[in-house]
Structures are given as structure tokens and as C-alpha cells.
């Protein structure tokens, strides 16, 4: 029996979360505001929660949202201090 892409991604929702990582990294390379790097942490948390409990989509979403807000609050300022400021922002 054939398996369609929708069936496969329904059984492996962590792949949907991981597919967002290259998009966020590309957005960070384009704008360099250190926002998308902190939200990449949220996507990783969502992927881990999806791998542990794939049937709890609401837990994945809440966990990713909470991790994203925490990363934006604490990791982004740390990144702004540690990483050099891009020339376009100056």
C-alpha cells in the first residue's frame, strides 16, 4: 500500500517543525536582526515535543510559543551583546 506525503507527515509531525529551521535561518541571513535565531530555538522545542508526543499538537504549539518568547526575551539580548552588529543596522 502506498503512503502519501500527507499520511507520512501526519505520522511524523516533527519533520514539519524541522522544515521551518532552514526558512528561519535564511530569514536571519537576509535581515540579521537576531530575531529569527531566537525563534529557531522555539522550532527545535516544537520538534522535540512532536517527537515525544506527536498526538498532542496543542502541547507542541504552546511549548514552541513559550520557548520562542523566552528565547526572544533572554537569548536575543545575549546574542546582540556577543555577536558583532551587522553593517546594515548601523
PDB file of N, CA and C in Angstrom:
ATOM      1  N   UNK A   1       0.829  -1.171   0.000  1.00  0.00           N
ATOM      2  CA  UNK A   1       0.000   0.000   0.000  1.00  0.00           C
ATOM      3  C   UNK A   1       0.885   1.251   0.000  1.00  0.00           C
ATOM      4  N   UNK A   2       0.545   2.184  -0.819  1.00  0.00           N
ATOM      5  CA  UNK A   2       1.327   3.406  -0.917  1.00  0.00           C
ATOM      6  C   UNK A   2       1.035   4.331   0.259  1.00  0.00           C
ATOM      7  N   UNK A   3       2.047   5.114   0.614  1.00  0.00           N
ATOM      8  CA  UNK A   3       1.866   6.116   1.654  1.00  0.00           C
ATOM      9  C   UNK A   3       2.027   7.491   1.006  1.00  0.00           C
ATOM     10  N   UNK A   4       1.051   8.328   1.184  1.00  0.00           N
ATOM     11  CA  UNK A   4       1.105   9.666   0.626  1.00  0.00           C
ATOM     12  C   UNK A   4       1.872  10.586   1.571  1.00  0.00           C
ATOM     13  N   UNK A   5       2.281  11.730   1.050  1.00  0.00           N
ATOM     14  CA  UNK A   5       3.037  12.680   1.853  1.00  0.00           C
ATOM     15  C   UNK A   5       2.236  13.165   3.056  1.00  0.00           C
ATOM     16  N   UNK A   6       0.959  13.373   2.864  1.00  0.00           N
ATOM     17  CA  UNK A   6       0.120  13.823   3.974  1.00  0.00           C
ATOM     18  C   UNK A   6       0.051  12.762   5.073  1.00  0.00           C
ATOM     19  N   UNK A   7      -0.020  11.491   4.695  1.00  0.00           N
ATOM     20  CA  UNK A   7      -0.019  10.424   5.687  1.00  0.00           C
ATOM     21  C   UNK A   7       1.312  10.369   6.423  1.00  0.00           C
ATOM     22  N   UNK A   8       2.400  10.521   5.672  1.00  0.00           N
ATOM     23  CA  UNK A   8       3.735  10.456   6.270  1.00  0.00           C
ATOM     24  C   UNK A   8       3.959  11.596   7.250  1.00  0.00           C
ATOM     25  N   UNK A   9       3.603  12.824   6.855  1.00  0.00           N
ATOM     26  CA  UNK A   9       3.800  13.961   7.748  1.00  0.00           C
ATOM     27  C   UNK A   9       2.823  13.936   8.918  1.00  0.00           C
ATOM     28  N   UNK A  10       1.685  13.301   8.742  1.00  0.00           N
ATOM     29  CA  UNK A  10       0.765  13.125   9.855  1.00  0.00           C
ATOM     30  C   UNK A  10       1.316  12.171  10.892  1.00  0.00           C
ATOM     31  N   UNK A  11       2.113  11.217  10.452  1.00  0.00           N
ATOM     32  CA  UNK A  11       2.731  10.270  11.377  1.00  0.00           C
ATOM     33  C   UNK A  11       4.039  10.800  11.954  1.00  0.00           C
ATOM     34  N   UNK A  12       4.652  11.756  11.283  1.00  0.00           N
ATOM     35  CA  UNK A  12       5.929  12.323  11.720  1.00  0.00           C
ATOM     36  C   UNK A  12       5.848  13.851  11.736  1.00  0.00           C
ATOM     37  N   UNK A  13       5.121  14.430  12.694  1.00  0.00           N
ATOM     38  CA  UNK A  13       4.959  15.889  12.692  1.00  0.00           C
ATOM     39  C   UNK A  13       6.239  16.645  13.020  1.00  0.00           C
ATOM     40  N   UNK A  14       7.220  15.970  13.600  1.00  0.00           N
ATOM     41  CA  UNK A  14       8.479  16.646  13.903  1.00  0.00           C
ATOM     42  C   UNK A  14       9.187  17.085  12.629  1.00  0.00           C
ATOM     43  N   UNK A  15       8.926  16.404  11.514  1.00  0.00           N
ATOM     44  CA  UNK A  15       9.522  16.823  10.245  1.00  0.00           C
ATOM     45  C   UNK A  15       8.947  18.154   9.768  1.00  0.00           C
ATOM     46  N   UNK A  16       7.694  18.411  10.083  1.00  0.00           N
ATOM     47  CA  UNK A  16       7.111  19.716   9.752  1.00  0.00           C
ATOM     48  C   UNK A  16       7.813  20.824  10.533  1.00  0.00           C
ATOM     49  N   UNK A  17       8.081  20.564  11.809  1.00  0.00           N
ATOM     50  CA  UNK A  17       8.780  21.558  12.617  1.00  0.00           C
ATOM     51  C   UNK A  17      10.199  21.773  12.101  1.00  0.00           C
ATOM     52  N   UNK A  18      10.882  20.679  11.775  1.00  0.00           N
ATOM     53  CA  UNK A  18      12.261  20.808  11.307  1.00  0.00           C
ATOM     54  C   UNK A  18      12.357  21.474   9.937  1.00  0.00           C
ATOM     55  N   UNK A  19      11.295  21.414   9.152  1.00  0.00           N
ATOM     56  CA  UNK A  19      11.327  22.080   7.851  1.00  0.00           C
ATOM     57  C   UNK A  19      11.302  23.603   7.993  1.00  0.00           C
ATOM     58  N   UNK A  20      10.904  24.103   9.148  1.00  0.00           N
ATOM     59  CA  UNK A  20      10.907  25.545   9.375  1.00  0.00           C
ATOM     60  C   UNK A  20      12.295  26.093   9.689  1.00  0.00           C
ATOM     61  N   UNK A  21      13.211  25.245  10.140  1.00  0.00           N
ATOM     62  CA  UNK A  21      14.546  25.713  10.522  1.00  0.00           C
ATOM     63  C   UNK A  21      15.282  26.364   9.359  1.00  0.00           C
ATOM     64  N   UNK A  22      15.371  25.748   8.174  1.00  0.00           N
ATOM     65  CA  UNK A  22      16.069  26.437   7.073  1.00  0.00           C
ATOM     66  C   UNK A  22      15.411  27.757   6.676  1.00  0.00           C
ATOM     67  N   UNK A  23      14.091  27.830   6.789  1.00  0.00           N
ATOM     68  CA  UNK A  23      13.405  29.085   6.464  1.00  0.00           C
ATOM     69  C   UNK A  23      13.780  30.188   7.451  1.00  0.00           C
ATOM     70  N   UNK A  24      13.830  29.870   8.732  1.00  0.00           N
ATOM     71  CA  UNK A  24      14.187  30.864   9.732  1.00  0.00           C
ATOM     72  C   UNK A  24      15.660  31.263   9.633  1.00  0.00           C
ATOM     73  N   UNK A  25      16.523  30.310   9.338  1.00  0.00           N
ATOM     74  CA  UNK A  25      17.946  30.637   9.167  1.00  0.00           C
ATOM     75  C   UNK A  25      18.142  31.516   7.933  1.00  0.00           C
ATOM     76  N   UNK A  26      17.434  31.227   6.859  1.00  0.00           N
ATOM     77  CA  UNK A  26      17.518  32.069   5.661  1.00  0.00           C
ATOM     78  C   UNK A  26      16.993  33.477   5.946  1.00  0.00           C
ATOM     79  N   UNK A  27      15.919  33.589   6.704  1.00  0.00           N
ATOM     80  CA  UNK A  27      15.396  34.905   7.058  1.00  0.00           C
ATOM     81  C   UNK A  27      16.397  35.662   7.930  1.00  0.00           C
ATOM     82  N   UNK A  28      17.075  34.955   8.824  1.00  0.00           N
ATOM     83  CA  UNK A  28      18.090  35.605   9.660  1.00  0.00           C
ATOM     84  C   UNK A  28      19.266  36.091   8.812  1.00  0.00           C
ATOM     85  N   UNK A  29      19.656  35.316   7.822  1.00  0.00           N
ATOM     86  CA  UNK A  29      20.746  35.738   6.948  1.00  0.00           C
ATOM     87  C   UNK A  29      20.361  36.950   6.105  1.00  0.00           C
ATOM     88  N   UNK A  30      19.093  37.075   5.787  1.00  0.00           N
ATOM     89  CA  UNK A  30      18.643  38.222   4.997  1.00  0.00           C
ATOM     90  C   UNK A  30      18.523  39.497   5.834  1.00  0.00           C
ATOM     91  N   UNK A  31      17.953  39.402   7.044  1.00  0.00           N
ATOM     92  CA  UNK A  31      17.667  40.605   7.822  1.00  0.00           C
ATOM     93  C   UNK A  31      18.631  40.859   8.962  1.00  0.00           C
ATOM     94  N   UNK A  32      19.220  39.846   9.549  1.00  0.00           N
ATOM     95  CA  UNK A  32      20.228  39.956  10.612  1.00  0.00           C
ATOM     96  C   UNK A  32      19.796  40.829  11.786  1.00  0.00           C
ATOM     97  N   UNK A  33      18.621  40.591  12.281  1.00  0.00           N
ATOM     98  CA  UNK A  33      18.135  41.315  13.453  1.00  0.00           C
ATOM     99  C   UNK A  33      18.192  40.447  14.706  1.00  0.00           C
ATOM    100  N   UNK A  34      18.697  39.244  14.589  1.00  0.00           N
ATOM    101  CA  UNK A  34      18.804  38.284  15.687  1.00  0.00           C
ATOM    102  C   UNK A  34      17.448  37.881  16.248  1.00  0.00           C
ATOM    103  N   UNK A  35      16.391  38.106  15.491  1.00  0.00           N
ATOM    104  CA  UNK A  35      15.051  37.694  15.910  1.00  0.00           C
ATOM    105  C   UNK A  35      14.801  36.259  15.486  1.00  0.00           C
ATOM    106  N   UNK A  36      15.169  35.947  14.270  1.00  0.00           N
ATOM    107  CA  UNK A  36      14.848  34.628  13.731  1.00  0.00           C
ATOM    108  C   UNK A  36      15.710  33.533  14.350  1.00  0.00           C
ATOM    109  N   UNK A  37      16.903  33.879  14.839  1.00  0.00           N
ATOM    110  CA  UNK A  37      17.705  32.874  15.536  1.00  0.00           C
ATOM    111  C   UNK A  37      17.051  32.472  16.850  1.00  0.00           C
ATOM    112  N   UNK A  38      16.472  33.432  17.542  1.00  0.00           N
ATOM    113  CA  UNK A  38      15.810  33.078  18.798  1.00  0.00           C
ATOM    114  C   UNK A  38      14.533  32.273  18.547  1.00  0.00           C
ATOM    115  N   UNK A  39      13.845  32.538  17.449  1.00  0.00           N
ATOM    116  CA  UNK A  39      12.645  31.754  17.146  1.00  0.00           C
ATOM    117  C   UNK A  39      12.988  30.382  16.580  1.00  0.00           C
ATOM    118  N   UNK A  40      14.231  30.206  16.116  1.00  0.00           N
ATOM    119  CA  UNK A  40      14.667  28.873  15.701  1.00  0.00           C
ATOM    120  C   UNK A  40      14.724  27.941  16.906  1.00  0.00           C
ATOM    121  N   UNK A  41      15.072  28.481  18.052  1.00  0.00           N
ATOM    122  CA  UNK A  41      15.050  27.687  19.294  1.00  0.00           C
ATOM    123  C   UNK A  41      13.637  27.175  19.563  1.00  0.00           C
ATOM    124  N   UNK A  42      12.658  28.005  19.308  1.00  0.00           N
ATOM    125  CA  UNK A  42      11.263  27.601  19.515  1.00  0.00           C
ATOM    126  C   UNK A  42      10.872  26.461  18.587  1.00  0.00           C
ATOM    127  N   UNK A  43      11.339  26.515  17.366  1.00  0.00           N
ATOM    128  CA  UNK A  43      11.024  25.453  16.404  1.00  0.00           C
ATOM    129  C   UNK A  43      11.674  24.140  16.838  1.00  0.00           C
ATOM    130  N   UNK A  44      12.882  24.211  17.372  1.00  0.00           N
ATOM    131  CA  UNK A  44      13.550  22.997  17.857  1.00  0.00           C
ATOM    132  C   UNK A  44      12.776  22.400  19.033  1.00  0.00           C
ATOM    133  N   UNK A  45      12.296  23.240  19.939  1.00  0.00           N
ATOM    134  CA  UNK A  45      11.491  22.755  21.068  1.00  0.00           C
ATOM    135  C   UNK A  45      10.205  22.114  20.559  1.00  0.00           C
ATOM    136  N   UNK A  46       9.566  22.734  19.571  1.00  0.00           N
ATOM    137  CA  UNK A  46       8.367  22.153  18.976  1.00  0.00           C
ATOM    138  C   UNK A  46       8.642  20.806  18.328  1.00  0.00           C
ATOM    139  N   UNK A  47       9.802  20.674  17.687  1.00  0.00           N
ATOM    140  CA  UNK A  47      10.164  19.405  17.054  1.00  0.00           C
ATOM    141  C   UNK A  47      10.418  18.322  18.091  1.00  0.00           C
ATOM    142  N   UNK A  48      11.064  18.681  19.181  1.00  0.00           N
ATOM    143  CA  UNK A  48      11.320  17.694  20.247  1.00  0.00           C
ATOM    144  C   UNK A  48      10.000  17.242  20.870  1.00  0.00           C
ATOM    145  N   UNK A  49       9.116  18.177  21.129  1.00  0.00           N
ATOM    146  CA  UNK A  49       7.812  17.804  21.686  1.00  0.00           C
ATOM    147  C   UNK A  49       6.998  16.967  20.696  1.00  0.00           C
ATOM    148  N   UNK A  50       7.133  17.252  19.410  1.00  0.00           N
ATOM    149  CA  UNK A  50       6.422  16.457  18.404  1.00  0.00           C
ATOM    150  C   UNK A  50       6.987  15.051  18.302  1.00  0.00           C
ATOM    151  N   UNK A  51       8.282  14.904  18.535  1.00  0.00           N
ATOM    152  CA  UNK A  51       8.882  13.568  18.508  1.00  0.00           C
ATOM    153  C   UNK A  51       8.475  12.759  19.735  1.00  0.00           C
ATOM    154  N   UNK A  52       8.306  13.432  20.869  1.00  0.00           N
ATOM    155  CA  UNK A  52       7.933  12.737  22.108  1.00  0.00           C
ATOM    156  C   UNK A  52       6.442  12.423  22.133  1.00  0.00           C
ATOM    157  N   UNK A  53       5.620  13.419  21.791  1.00  0.00           N
ATOM    158  CA  UNK A  53       4.165  13.246  21.850  1.00  0.00           C
ATOM    159  C   UNK A  53       3.532  13.796  20.574  1.00  0.00           C
ATOM    160  N   UNK A  54       3.549  13.023  19.486  1.00  0.00           N
ATOM    161  CA  UNK A  54       3.049  13.548  18.215  1.00  0.00           C
ATOM    162  C   UNK A  54       1.540  13.795  18.191  1.00  0.00           C
ATOM    163  N   UNK A  55       0.795  13.198  19.082  1.00  0.00           N
ATOM    164  CA  UNK A  55      -0.661  13.369  19.080  1.00  0.00           C
ATOM    165  C   UNK A  55      -1.098  14.630  19.844  1.00  0.00           C
ATOM    166  N   UNK A  56      -0.204  15.247  20.609  1.00  0.00           N
ATOM    167  CA  UNK A  56      -0.542  16.446  21.379  1.00  0.00           C
ATOM    168  C   UNK A  56      -0.096  17.696  20.623  1.00  0.00           C
ATOM    169  N   UNK A  57      -0.821  18.059  19.591  1.00  0.00           N
ATOM    170  CA  UNK A  57      -0.431  19.197  18.767  1.00  0.00           C
ATOM    171  C   UNK A  57      -0.495  20.494  19.553  1.00  0.00           C
ATOM    172  N   UNK A  58      -1.420  20.602  20.476  1.00  0.00           N
ATOM    173  CA  UNK A  58      -1.549  21.826  21.260  1.00  0.00           C
ATOM    174  C   UNK A  58      -0.366  22.002  22.210  1.00  0.00           C
ATOM    175  N   UNK A  59       0.182  20.899  22.720  1.00  0.00           N
ATOM    176  CA  UNK A  59       1.365  20.978  23.570  1.00  0.00           C
ATOM    177  C   UNK A  59       2.580  21.421  22.757  1.00  0.00           C
ATOM    178  N   UNK A  60       2.683  20.928  21.526  1.00  0.00           N
ATOM    179  CA  UNK A  60       3.779  21.347  20.656  1.00  0.00           C
ATOM    180  C   UNK A  60       3.717  22.841  20.397  1.00  0.00           C
ATOM    181  N   UNK A  61       2.524  23.312  20.098  1.00  0.00           N
ATOM    182  CA  UNK A  61       2.342  24.728  19.790  1.00  0.00           C
ATOM    183  C   UNK A  61       2.605  25.611  21.005  1.00  0.00           C
ATOM    184  N   UNK A  62       2.073  25.233  22.159  1.00  0.00           N
ATOM    185  CA  UNK A  62       2.302  26.017  23.368  1.00  0.00           C
ATOM    186  C   UNK A  62       3.759  25.978  23.810  1.00  0.00           C
ATOM    187  N   UNK A  63       4.374  24.819  23.688  1.00  0.00           N
ATOM    188  CA  UNK A  63       5.792  24.706  24.049  1.00  0.00           C
ATOM    189  C   UNK A  63       6.673  25.538  23.141  1.00  0.00           C
ATOM    190  N   UNK A  64       6.394  25.516  21.850  1.00  0.00           N
ATOM    191  CA  UNK A  64       7.175  26.318  20.905  1.00  0.00           C
ATOM    192  C   UNK A  64       6.943  27.804  21.141  1.00  0.00           C
ATOM    193  N   UNK A  65       5.716  28.188  21.421  1.00  0.00           N
ATOM    194  CA  UNK A  65       5.423  29.597  21.682  1.00  0.00           C
ATOM    195  C   UNK A  65       6.108  30.075  22.958  1.00  0.00           C
ATOM    196  N   UNK A  66       6.038  29.285  23.999  1.00  0.00           N
ATOM    197  CA  UNK A  66       6.700  29.647  25.254  1.00  0.00           C
ATOM    198  C   UNK A  66       8.208  29.716  25.109  1.00  0.00           C
ATOM    199  N   UNK A  67       8.783  28.741  24.412  1.00  0.00           N
ATOM    200  CA  UNK A  67      10.232  28.758  24.198  1.00  0.00           C
ATOM    201  C   UNK A  67      10.643  29.925  23.315  1.00  0.00           C
ATOM    202  N   UNK A  68       9.818  30.265  22.343  1.00  0.00           N
ATOM    203  CA  UNK A  68      10.131  31.396  21.476  1.00  0.00           C
ATOM    204  C   UNK A  68      10.101  32.715  22.220  1.00  0.00           C
ATOM    205  N   UNK A  69       9.122  32.886  23.078  1.00  0.00           N
ATOM    206  CA  UNK A  69       9.056  34.129  23.855  1.00  0.00           C
ATOM    207  C   UNK A  69      10.203  34.208  24.861  1.00  0.00           C
ATOM    208  N   UNK A  70      10.538  33.084  25.478  1.00  0.00           N
ATOM    209  CA  UNK A  70      11.661  33.069  26.421  1.00  0.00           C
ATOM    210  C   UNK A  70      12.986  33.319  25.698  1.00  0.00           C
ATOM    211  N   UNK A  71      13.158  32.712  24.534  1.00  0.00           N
ATOM    212  CA  UNK A  71      14.386  32.922  23.769  1.00  0.00           C
ATOM    213  C   UNK A  71      14.485  34.366  23.287  1.00  0.00           C
ATOM    214  N   UNK A  72      13.366  34.930  22.888  1.00  0.00           N
ATOM    215  CA  UNK A  72      13.376  36.315  22.439  1.00  0.00           C
ATOM    216  C   UNK A  72      13.681  37.258  23.599  1.00  0.00           C
ATOM    217  N   UNK A  73      13.261  36.874  24.781  1.00  0.00           N
ATOM    218  CA  UNK A  73      13.483  37.724  25.970  1.00  0.00           C
ATOM    219  C   UNK A  73      14.892  37.610  26.510  1.00  0.00           C
ATOM    220  N   UNK A  74      15.477  36.380  26.508  1.00  0.00           N
ATOM    221  CA  UNK A  74      16.771  36.187  27.155  1.00  0.00           C
ATOM    222  C   UNK A  74      17.902  35.854  26.195  1.00  0.00           C
ATOM    223  N   UNK A  75      17.668  35.059  25.176  1.00  0.00           N
ATOM    224  CA  UNK A  75      18.760  34.671  24.282  1.00  0.00           C
ATOM    225  C   UNK A  75      19.082  35.776  23.287  1.00  0.00           C
ATOM    226  N   UNK A  76      18.078  36.472  22.794  1.00  0.00           N
ATOM    227  CA  UNK A  76      18.323  37.536  21.814  1.00  0.00           C
ATOM    228  C   UNK A  76      19.207  38.650  22.378  1.00  0.00           C
ATOM    229  N   UNK A  77      18.961  39.161  23.600  1.00  0.00           N
ATOM    230  CA  UNK A  77      19.883  40.175  24.128  1.00  0.00           C
ATOM    231  C   UNK A  77      21.308  39.655  24.291  1.00  0.00           C
ATOM    232  N   UNK A  78      21.431  38.387  24.673  1.00  0.00           N
ATOM    233  CA  UNK A  78      22.761  37.791  24.789  1.00  0.00           C
ATOM    234  C   UNK A  78      23.433  37.725  23.419  1.00  0.00           C
ATOM    235  N   UNK A  79      22.677  37.340  22.384  1.00  0.00           N
ATOM    236  CA  UNK A  79      23.222  37.298  21.032  1.00  0.00           C
ATOM    237  C   UNK A  79      23.611  38.690  20.546  1.00  0.00           C
ATOM    238  N   UNK A  80      22.824  39.688  20.879  1.00  0.00           N
ATOM    239  CA  UNK A  80      23.142  41.052  20.462  1.00  0.00           C
ATOM    240  C   UNK A  80      24.428  41.551  21.112  1.00  0.00           C
ATOM    241  N   UNK A  81      24.706  41.111  22.343  1.00  0.00           N
ATOM    242  CA  UNK A  81      25.956  41.504  23.005  1.00  0.00           C
ATOM    243  C   UNK A  81      27.149  40.733  22.469  1.00  0.00           C
ATOM    244  N   UNK A  82      26.967  39.446  22.165  1.00  0.00           N
ATOM    245  CA  UNK A  82      28.084  38.580  21.785  1.00  0.00           C
ATOM    246  C   UNK A  82      28.459  38.662  20.306  1.00  0.00           C
ATOM    247  N   UNK A  83      27.470  38.718  19.444  1.00  0.00           N
ATOM    248  CA  UNK A  83      27.741  38.707  18.010  1.00  0.00           C
ATOM    249  C   UNK A  83      27.939  40.121  17.503  1.00  0.00           C
ATOM    250  N   UNK A  84      28.811  40.285  16.535  1.00  0.00           N
ATOM    251  CA  UNK A  84      29.017  41.644  16.005  1.00  0.00           C
ATOM    252  C   UNK A  84      27.767  42.162  15.310  1.00  0.00           C
ATOM    253  N   UNK A  85      27.585  43.459  15.404  1.00  0.00           N
ATOM    254  CA  UNK A  85      26.425  44.087  14.786  1.00  0.00           C
ATOM    255  C   UNK A  85      26.634  44.134  13.278  1.00  0.00           C
ATOM    256  N   UNK A  86      25.629  43.754  12.498  1.00  0.00           N
ATOM    257  CA  UNK A  86      25.776  43.820  11.047  1.00  0.00           C
ATOM    258  C   UNK A  86      25.891  45.256  10.566  1.00  0.00           C
ATOM    259  N   UNK A  87      26.551  45.443   9.437  1.00  0.00           N
ATOM    260  CA  UNK A  87      26.790  46.789   8.913  1.00  0.00           C
ATOM    261  C   UNK A  87      25.495  47.477   8.493  1.00  0.00           C
ATOM    262  N   UNK A  88      24.522  46.734   8.039  1.00  0.00           N
ATOM    263  CA  UNK A  88      23.289  47.334   7.551  1.00  0.00           C
ATOM    264  C   UNK A  88      22.480  47.970   8.685  1.00  0.00           C
ATOM    265  N   UNK A  89      22.680  47.536   9.922  1.00  0.00           N
ATOM    266  CA  UNK A  89      21.904  48.045  11.046  1.00  0.00           C
ATOM    267  C   UNK A  89      22.483  49.351  11.568  1.00  0.00           C
ATOM    268  N   UNK A  90      23.795  49.532  11.423  1.00  0.00           N
ATOM    269  CA  UNK A  90      24.465  50.714  11.968  1.00  0.00           C
ATOM    270  C   UNK A  90      23.994  51.986  11.348  1.00  0.00           C
TER     271      UNK A  90
END
